[in-house]
Amino acid sequence: GLDVLNNGWRGNFITPTNGVAFSVGENWGPVLVFKTPVRVTSLEISYIVKNTWSKYSVGHVTLQYSSDGRLWSPPKATSFTYTETPQTDGGYSHNIAYPTPSCVRYVRVTEIGATDHQVVISEVEVKGYQCTQAEPPVQPPLPIPPRGPPPLRSTAID
């Protein structure tokens, strides 16, 4: 189902329905939508390693947030280093500090990179607290407008 990344199940083995595979070089990911505004403190990314199937550890994660789903914060990248490479088969989790400066309704995982080949993500848990009515959501900064074409220059012909 569509809840595979937030159904509360963190696996130790791969099945056809308990994770989403992300390949090296892919730069897309899920958007987490909250029913009410929240102030995020961190995200916990859980993944499953199966070396014989070329399913490896999370290498890096890039995140963004939004109050309205249209304007997004600048991407924040987090990289991971491992003492054991490749990791042994099984389930693992990383807690990523990601404090949002204001109340948000959306968190987008714009990129999940594997240390090699693919990573299977089994769960993305958002940690934080619900905003109160006294704390209205603050809009993220506006994106920088694209530069227009250079001005036309005329040259006189003698």
N, C-alpha and C. Protein backbone atom coordinates (compact mmCIF):
# COMPACT_ATOMS: atom_id res chain seq x y z
N GLY A 1 0.82 -1.18 0.00
CA GLY A 1 0.00 0.00 0.00
C GLY A 1 0.86 1.24 0.00
N LEU A 2 0.19 2.38 0.07
CA LEU A 2 0.87 3.67 0.06
C LEU A 2 1.49 4.01 1.40
N ASP A 3 1.24 3.20 2.43
CA ASP A 3 1.78 3.50 3.75
C ASP A 3 3.05 2.73 4.06
N VAL A 4 3.69 2.16 3.07
CA VAL A 4 4.85 1.30 3.31
C VAL A 4 5.96 2.03 4.07
N LEU A 5 6.12 3.33 3.89
CA LEU A 5 7.19 4.05 4.56
C LEU A 5 6.80 4.62 5.91
N ASN A 6 5.53 4.50 6.30
CA ASN A 6 5.12 5.01 7.61
C ASN A 6 4.09 4.12 8.30
N ASN A 7 4.22 2.81 8.12
CA ASN A 7 3.27 1.88 8.74
C ASN A 7 3.76 1.33 10.07
N GLY A 8 4.91 1.81 10.55
CA GLY A 8 5.43 1.38 11.85
C GLY A 8 6.26 0.12 11.83
N TRP A 9 6.46 -0.48 10.66
CA TRP A 9 7.22 -1.73 10.58
C TRP A 9 8.62 -1.45 10.08
N ARG A 10 9.60 -1.80 10.89
CA ARG A 10 11.02 -1.69 10.51
C ARG A 10 11.53 -3.11 10.35
N GLY A 11 11.84 -3.47 9.13
CA GLY A 11 12.19 -4.85 8.85
C GLY A 11 13.65 -5.20 9.04
N ASN A 12 13.89 -6.50 9.17
CA ASN A 12 15.25 -7.04 9.18
C ASN A 12 15.53 -7.83 7.92
N PHE A 13 14.51 -8.01 7.09
CA PHE A 13 14.64 -8.76 5.84
C PHE A 13 13.74 -8.12 4.81
N ILE A 14 14.03 -8.36 3.54
CA ILE A 14 13.30 -7.74 2.43
C ILE A 14 12.18 -8.66 1.96
N THR A 15 10.98 -8.08 1.80
CA THR A 15 9.85 -8.77 1.17
C THR A 15 9.37 -7.89 0.03
N PRO A 16 8.48 -8.38 -0.83
CA PRO A 16 7.99 -7.54 -1.94
C PRO A 16 7.20 -6.31 -1.50
N THR A 17 6.76 -6.24 -0.22
CA THR A 17 5.88 -5.15 0.19
C THR A 17 6.35 -4.36 1.40
N ASN A 18 7.58 -4.55 1.87
CA ASN A 18 7.96 -3.86 3.10
C ASN A 18 9.01 -2.78 2.93
N GLY A 19 9.28 -2.34 1.72
CA GLY A 19 10.26 -1.28 1.53
C GLY A 19 10.22 -0.72 0.13
N VAL A 20 10.97 0.36 -0.05
CA VAL A 20 11.08 1.02 -1.36
C VAL A 20 12.56 1.11 -1.68
N ALA A 21 12.96 0.62 -2.85
CA ALA A 21 14.36 0.63 -3.26
C ALA A 21 14.69 1.94 -3.96
N PHE A 22 15.81 2.54 -3.57
CA PHE A 22 16.34 3.75 -4.20
C PHE A 22 17.71 3.42 -4.75
N SER A 23 17.95 3.77 -6.00
CA SER A 23 19.23 3.47 -6.66
C SER A 23 20.18 4.65 -6.56
N VAL A 24 21.46 4.38 -6.70
CA VAL A 24 22.47 5.43 -6.75
C VAL A 24 22.14 6.35 -7.91
N GLY A 25 22.16 7.65 -7.68
CA GLY A 25 21.90 8.62 -8.74
C GLY A 25 20.46 9.06 -8.86
N GLU A 26 19.53 8.37 -8.21
CA GLU A 26 18.13 8.81 -8.24
C GLU A 26 17.98 9.97 -7.28
N ASN A 27 17.26 11.00 -7.71
CA ASN A 27 17.09 12.16 -6.84
C ASN A 27 15.61 12.49 -6.66
N TRP A 28 14.85 11.51 -6.26
CA TRP A 28 13.45 11.73 -5.94
C TRP A 28 13.14 10.99 -4.66
N GLY A 29 12.07 11.33 -4.05
CA GLY A 29 11.71 10.67 -2.82
C GLY A 29 10.32 11.06 -2.37
N PRO A 30 9.90 10.49 -1.26
CA PRO A 30 8.54 10.71 -0.78
C PRO A 30 8.34 12.09 -0.17
N VAL A 31 7.08 12.54 -0.18
CA VAL A 31 6.66 13.75 0.52
C VAL A 31 5.80 13.30 1.69
N LEU A 32 6.19 13.71 2.89
CA LEU A 32 5.43 13.39 4.09
C LEU A 32 4.48 14.55 4.37
N VAL A 33 3.18 14.26 4.46
CA VAL A 33 2.15 15.28 4.64
C VAL A 33 1.56 15.12 6.04
N PHE A 34 1.49 16.22 6.79
CA PHE A 34 0.95 16.19 8.14
C PHE A 34 -0.45 16.78 8.15
N LYS A 35 -1.37 16.19 8.90
CA LYS A 35 -2.75 16.68 8.98
C LYS A 35 -2.81 18.07 9.60
N THR A 36 -1.96 18.31 10.58
CA THR A 36 -1.88 19.62 11.23
C THR A 36 -0.41 20.05 11.21
N PRO A 37 -0.16 21.35 11.32
CA PRO A 37 1.23 21.82 11.30
C PRO A 37 2.04 21.24 12.46
N VAL A 38 3.30 20.93 12.17
CA VAL A 38 4.21 20.39 13.19
C VAL A 38 5.53 21.14 13.12
N ARG A 39 6.24 21.12 14.22
CA ARG A 39 7.61 21.61 14.25
C ARG A 39 8.49 20.37 14.34
N VAL A 40 9.21 20.08 13.28
CA VAL A 40 10.01 18.86 13.19
C VAL A 40 11.32 19.05 13.94
N THR A 41 11.74 18.01 14.69
CA THR A 41 13.04 18.04 15.35
C THR A 41 14.02 17.08 14.68
N SER A 42 13.51 15.94 14.17
CA SER A 42 14.39 14.98 13.50
C SER A 42 13.56 13.99 12.68
N LEU A 43 14.24 13.25 11.84
CA LEU A 43 13.63 12.15 11.10
C LEU A 43 14.46 10.90 11.36
N GLU A 44 13.78 9.77 11.44
CA GLU A 44 14.48 8.50 11.57
C GLU A 44 14.23 7.70 10.30
N ILE A 45 15.31 7.39 9.59
CA ILE A 45 15.25 6.63 8.34
C ILE A 45 15.68 5.20 8.66
N SER A 46 14.80 4.23 8.38
CA SER A 46 15.14 2.82 8.59
C SER A 46 15.32 2.14 7.24
N TYR A 47 16.30 1.25 7.17
CA TYR A 47 16.61 0.59 5.90
C TYR A 47 17.05 -0.85 6.16
N ILE A 48 17.05 -1.65 5.09
CA ILE A 48 17.38 -3.07 5.18
C ILE A 48 18.57 -3.36 4.26
N VAL A 49 19.58 -4.03 4.80
CA VAL A 49 20.77 -4.42 4.04
C VAL A 49 20.67 -5.89 3.67
N LYS A 50 20.93 -6.20 2.41
CA LYS A 50 21.03 -7.59 1.93
C LYS A 50 22.13 -7.58 0.88
N ASN A 51 23.36 -7.84 1.32
CA ASN A 51 24.55 -7.70 0.46
C ASN A 51 24.49 -8.57 -0.79
N THR A 52 24.01 -9.81 -0.67
CA THR A 52 23.99 -10.70 -1.83
C THR A 52 22.99 -10.24 -2.89
N TRP A 53 22.08 -9.33 -2.54
CA TRP A 53 21.12 -8.78 -3.51
C TRP A 53 21.52 -7.37 -3.93
N SER A 54 22.70 -6.91 -3.56
CA SER A 54 23.17 -5.55 -3.85
C SER A 54 22.28 -4.48 -3.24
N LYS A 55 21.82 -4.71 -2.02
CA LYS A 55 21.03 -3.74 -1.25
C LYS A 55 21.90 -3.33 -0.08
N TYR A 56 22.36 -2.07 -0.10
CA TYR A 56 23.37 -1.62 0.85
C TYR A 56 22.84 -0.52 1.76
N SER A 57 23.75 0.12 2.48
CA SER A 57 23.43 1.14 3.48
C SER A 57 23.05 2.47 2.83
N VAL A 58 22.39 3.31 3.63
CA VAL A 58 22.10 4.69 3.22
C VAL A 58 23.41 5.46 3.22
N GLY A 59 23.71 6.14 2.12
CA GLY A 59 24.93 6.95 2.04
C GLY A 59 24.67 8.39 2.41
N HIS A 60 23.55 8.94 1.92
CA HIS A 60 23.19 10.31 2.24
C HIS A 60 21.69 10.50 2.04
N VAL A 61 21.18 11.54 2.67
CA VAL A 61 19.76 11.90 2.57
C VAL A 61 19.69 13.42 2.41
N THR A 62 18.82 13.90 1.54
CA THR A 62 18.59 15.33 1.37
C THR A 62 17.12 15.63 1.65
N LEU A 63 16.87 16.63 2.49
CA LEU A 63 15.51 16.95 2.95
C LEU A 63 15.16 18.40 2.67
N GLN A 64 13.85 18.66 2.54
CA GLN A 64 13.30 20.01 2.43
C GLN A 64 12.00 20.05 3.22
N TYR A 65 11.55 21.25 3.59
CA TYR A 65 10.26 21.39 4.26
C TYR A 65 9.46 22.51 3.61
N SER A 66 8.14 22.51 3.87
CA SER A 66 7.26 23.54 3.33
C SER A 66 6.05 23.72 4.25
N SER A 67 5.56 24.95 4.32
CA SER A 67 4.34 25.23 5.06
C SER A 67 3.11 25.03 4.20
N ASP A 68 3.25 25.26 2.89
CA ASP A 68 2.07 25.22 2.01
C ASP A 68 2.17 24.23 0.85
N GLY A 69 3.28 23.55 0.69
CA GLY A 69 3.44 22.59 -0.40
C GLY A 69 3.85 23.20 -1.72
N ARG A 70 4.00 24.52 -1.77
CA ARG A 70 4.42 25.19 -3.00
C ARG A 70 5.81 25.78 -2.89
N LEU A 71 6.09 26.45 -1.78
CA LEU A 71 7.40 27.04 -1.56
C LEU A 71 8.19 26.13 -0.63
N TRP A 72 9.38 25.75 -1.05
CA TRP A 72 10.19 24.78 -0.29
C TRP A 72 11.47 25.42 0.21
N SER A 73 11.95 24.95 1.35
CA SER A 73 13.21 25.43 1.92
C SER A 73 14.37 24.96 1.04
N PRO A 74 15.55 25.57 1.21
CA PRO A 74 16.72 25.04 0.51
C PRO A 74 17.01 23.62 0.99
N PRO A 75 17.52 22.75 0.12
CA PRO A 75 17.81 21.36 0.52
C PRO A 75 18.89 21.30 1.60
N LYS A 76 18.72 20.37 2.54
CA LYS A 76 19.74 20.11 3.56
C LYS A 76 20.20 18.68 3.40
N ALA A 77 21.49 18.49 3.15
CA ALA A 77 22.04 17.15 2.92
C ALA A 77 22.73 16.63 4.18
N THR A 78 22.60 15.34 4.41
CA THR A 78 23.26 14.66 5.52
C THR A 78 23.95 13.43 4.96
N SER A 79 25.22 13.25 5.27
CA SER A 79 25.97 12.06 4.83
C SER A 79 26.29 11.18 6.03
N PHE A 80 26.48 9.90 5.77
CA PHE A 80 26.76 8.95 6.82
C PHE A 80 28.09 8.25 6.54
N THR A 81 28.83 7.95 7.59
CA THR A 81 30.05 7.16 7.46
C THR A 81 29.88 5.91 8.32
N TYR A 82 30.52 4.84 7.90
CA TYR A 82 30.36 3.55 8.55
C TYR A 82 31.72 2.99 8.92
N THR A 83 31.76 2.34 10.09
CA THR A 83 32.99 1.66 10.48
C THR A 83 33.06 0.29 9.83
N GLU A 84 31.91 -0.27 9.51
CA GLU A 84 31.84 -1.58 8.87
C GLU A 84 31.21 -1.41 7.50
N THR A 85 31.96 -1.64 6.43
CA THR A 85 31.43 -1.50 5.08
C THR A 85 31.81 -2.73 4.27
N PRO A 86 30.89 -3.48 3.69
CA PRO A 86 29.45 -3.28 3.82
C PRO A 86 28.95 -3.75 5.18
N GLN A 87 27.80 -3.19 5.58
CA GLN A 87 27.18 -3.64 6.82
C GLN A 87 26.68 -5.06 6.64
N THR A 88 26.54 -5.77 7.76
CA THR A 88 25.99 -7.12 7.68
C THR A 88 24.51 -7.04 7.38
N ASP A 89 23.95 -8.11 6.83
CA ASP A 89 22.53 -8.15 6.49
C ASP A 89 21.67 -7.88 7.72
N GLY A 90 20.57 -7.13 7.51
CA GLY A 90 19.65 -6.85 8.61
C GLY A 90 19.08 -5.45 8.51
N GLY A 91 18.33 -5.06 9.52
CA GLY A 91 17.69 -3.75 9.56
C GLY A 91 18.48 -2.75 10.38
N TYR A 92 18.50 -1.50 9.92
CA TYR A 92 19.23 -0.43 10.58
C TYR A 92 18.40 0.84 10.55
N SER A 93 18.75 1.81 11.41
CA SER A 93 18.09 3.12 11.42
C SER A 93 19.12 4.21 11.65
N HIS A 94 18.83 5.40 11.08
CA HIS A 94 19.62 6.60 11.32
C HIS A 94 18.68 7.69 11.78
N ASN A 95 19.04 8.38 12.84
CA ASN A 95 18.29 9.54 13.29
C ASN A 95 18.96 10.78 12.73
N ILE A 96 18.22 11.58 11.98
CA ILE A 96 18.76 12.77 11.32
C ILE A 96 18.20 14.00 12.01
N ALA A 97 19.06 14.79 12.64
CA ALA A 97 18.62 16.05 13.25
C ALA A 97 18.16 16.97 12.12
N TYR A 98 16.93 17.41 12.19
CA TYR A 98 16.38 18.26 11.13
C TYR A 98 15.38 19.24 11.74
N PRO A 99 15.83 20.15 12.59
CA PRO A 99 14.89 21.07 13.21
C PRO A 99 14.39 22.12 12.21
N THR A 100 13.08 22.20 12.06
CA THR A 100 12.51 23.23 11.19
C THR A 100 12.35 24.50 12.01
N PRO A 101 12.61 25.66 11.44
CA PRO A 101 12.53 26.91 12.21
C PRO A 101 11.10 27.37 12.45
N SER A 102 10.14 26.69 11.84
CA SER A 102 8.74 27.09 11.97
C SER A 102 7.86 25.86 11.82
N CYS A 103 6.57 26.08 11.95
CA CYS A 103 5.60 25.01 11.77
C CYS A 103 5.51 24.67 10.28
N VAL A 104 5.46 23.39 9.96
CA VAL A 104 5.40 22.95 8.56
C VAL A 104 4.30 21.92 8.39
N ARG A 105 3.86 21.75 7.16
CA ARG A 105 2.87 20.72 6.83
C ARG A 105 3.47 19.62 5.97
N TYR A 106 4.66 19.87 5.38
CA TYR A 106 5.25 18.93 4.44
C TYR A 106 6.75 18.80 4.68
N VAL A 107 7.25 17.57 4.58
CA VAL A 107 8.69 17.31 4.53
C VAL A 107 8.91 16.43 3.31
N ARG A 108 9.84 16.85 2.46
CA ARG A 108 10.14 16.10 1.24
C ARG A 108 11.54 15.51 1.36
N VAL A 109 11.63 14.21 1.13
CA VAL A 109 12.92 13.53 1.06
C VAL A 109 13.32 13.60 -0.41
N THR A 110 14.12 14.61 -0.77
CA THR A 110 14.41 14.86 -2.19
C THR A 110 15.43 13.90 -2.75
N GLU A 111 16.27 13.34 -1.88
CA GLU A 111 17.27 12.40 -2.38
C GLU A 111 17.65 11.43 -1.28
N ILE A 112 17.67 10.15 -1.62
CA ILE A 112 18.18 9.11 -0.74
C ILE A 112 19.24 8.38 -1.55
N GLY A 113 20.47 8.44 -1.09
CA GLY A 113 21.55 7.81 -1.83
C GLY A 113 22.08 6.59 -1.10
N ALA A 114 22.37 5.55 -1.85
CA ALA A 114 22.94 4.33 -1.30
C ALA A 114 24.46 4.44 -1.31
N THR A 115 25.11 3.68 -0.42
CA THR A 115 26.57 3.62 -0.45
C THR A 115 27.04 2.90 -1.70
N ASP A 116 26.18 2.04 -2.27
CA ASP A 116 26.51 1.30 -3.49
C ASP A 116 25.20 0.72 -4.03
N HIS A 117 25.01 0.69 -5.31
CA HIS A 117 23.85 0.11 -6.00
C HIS A 117 22.52 0.65 -5.48
N GLN A 118 21.89 -0.03 -4.51
CA GLN A 118 20.57 0.37 -4.03
C GLN A 118 20.50 0.29 -2.51
N VAL A 119 19.53 1.06 -1.96
CA VAL A 119 19.18 0.97 -0.55
C VAL A 119 17.67 0.74 -0.49
N VAL A 120 17.23 -0.10 0.43
CA VAL A 120 15.80 -0.37 0.62
C VAL A 120 15.37 0.33 1.90
N ILE A 121 14.52 1.35 1.75
CA ILE A 121 14.00 2.11 2.89
C ILE A 121 12.72 1.42 3.36
N SER A 122 12.65 1.13 4.66
CA SER A 122 11.47 0.45 5.20
C SER A 122 10.59 1.37 6.03
N GLU A 123 11.12 2.50 6.50
CA GLU A 123 10.32 3.38 7.36
C GLU A 123 10.96 4.76 7.39
N VAL A 124 10.12 5.80 7.41
CA VAL A 124 10.55 7.18 7.63
C VAL A 124 9.67 7.72 8.74
N GLU A 125 10.24 7.95 9.91
CA GLU A 125 9.47 8.45 11.06
C GLU A 125 9.87 9.88 11.35
N VAL A 126 8.88 10.76 11.46
CA VAL A 126 9.11 12.16 11.78
C VAL A 126 8.95 12.34 13.28
N LYS A 127 9.92 13.03 13.88
CA LYS A 127 9.85 13.32 15.31
C LYS A 127 9.75 14.83 15.48
N GLY A 128 8.96 15.25 16.45
CA GLY A 128 8.75 16.67 16.71
C GLY A 128 7.52 16.85 17.55
N TYR A 129 6.86 17.99 17.39
CA TYR A 129 5.65 18.23 18.16
C TYR A 129 4.67 19.06 17.35
N GLN A 130 3.40 18.90 17.70
CA GLN A 130 2.32 19.59 17.00
C GLN A 130 2.32 21.06 17.41
N CYS A 131 2.11 21.94 16.44
CA CYS A 131 2.06 23.36 16.70
C CYS A 131 0.72 23.72 17.34
N THR A 132 0.72 24.76 18.15
CA THR A 132 -0.52 25.22 18.78
C THR A 132 -1.14 26.31 17.92
N GLN A 133 -2.38 26.64 18.22
CA GLN A 133 -3.06 27.72 17.49
C GLN A 133 -2.35 29.06 17.70
N ALA A 134 -1.67 29.22 18.85
CA ALA A 134 -0.99 30.48 19.14
C ALA A 134 0.28 30.66 18.30
N GLU A 135 0.70 29.61 17.64
CA GLU A 135 1.93 29.68 16.86
C GLU A 135 1.59 29.41 15.39
N PRO A 136 1.21 30.45 14.62
CA PRO A 136 0.85 30.22 13.22
C PRO A 136 2.06 29.82 12.40
N PRO A 137 1.84 29.03 11.35
CA PRO A 137 2.97 28.63 10.50
C PRO A 137 3.65 29.84 9.87
N VAL A 138 4.96 29.83 9.85
CA VAL A 138 5.75 30.88 9.21
C VAL A 138 6.09 30.39 7.81
N GLN A 139 5.90 31.25 6.85
CA GLN A 139 6.17 30.88 5.47
C GLN A 139 7.67 30.71 5.24
N PRO A 140 8.07 29.70 4.48
CA PRO A 140 9.49 29.57 4.15
C PRO A 140 9.91 30.70 3.22
N PRO A 141 11.21 30.94 3.08
CA PRO A 141 11.67 32.02 2.21
C PRO A 141 11.27 31.78 0.76
N LEU A 142 11.02 32.88 0.06
CA LEU A 142 10.66 32.78 -1.34
C LEU A 142 11.86 32.30 -2.15
N PRO A 143 11.60 31.51 -3.20
CA PRO A 143 12.73 31.08 -4.04
C PRO A 143 13.29 32.27 -4.81
N ILE A 144 14.54 32.17 -5.16
CA ILE A 144 15.18 33.21 -5.96
C ILE A 144 14.61 33.13 -7.37
N PRO A 145 14.10 34.26 -7.90
CA PRO A 145 13.52 34.21 -9.24
C PRO A 145 14.59 33.90 -10.28
N PRO A 146 14.20 33.19 -11.35
CA PRO A 146 15.18 32.88 -12.40
C PRO A 146 15.63 34.15 -13.10
N ARG A 147 16.85 34.13 -13.59
CA ARG A 147 17.37 35.27 -14.34
C ARG A 147 16.75 35.28 -15.72
N GLY A 148 16.45 36.46 -16.19
CA GLY A 148 15.89 36.59 -17.53
C GLY A 148 16.97 36.54 -18.59
N PRO A 149 16.57 36.56 -19.85
CA PRO A 149 17.58 36.55 -20.92
C PRO A 149 18.37 37.86 -20.91
N PRO A 150 19.57 37.84 -21.45
CA PRO A 150 20.36 39.07 -21.50
C PRO A 150 19.68 40.10 -22.40
N PRO A 151 19.86 41.39 -22.13
CA PRO A 151 19.23 42.41 -22.96
C PRO A 151 19.76 42.35 -24.40
N LEU A 152 18.89 42.69 -25.33
CA LEU A 152 19.28 42.73 -26.75
C LEU A 152 20.14 43.96 -26.99
N ARG A 153 21.13 43.80 -27.82
CA ARG A 153 22.01 44.91 -28.16
C ARG A 153 21.93 45.13 -29.67
N SER A 154 21.81 46.36 -30.04
CA SER A 154 21.77 46.64 -31.46
C SER A 154 23.12 47.20 -31.90
N THR A 155 23.45 46.89 -33.09
CA THR A 155 24.69 47.43 -33.65
C THR A 155 24.32 48.22 -34.89
N ALA A 156 24.90 49.37 -35.03
CA ALA A 156 24.62 50.22 -36.21
C ALA A 156 25.48 49.73 -37.37
N ILE A 157 24.86 49.69 -38.51
CA ILE A 157 25.58 49.30 -39.72
C ILE A 157 25.84 50.58 -40.53
N ASP A 158 27.12 50.85 -40.87
CA ASP A 158 27.49 52.07 -41.63
C ASP A 158 27.33 51.84 -43.10
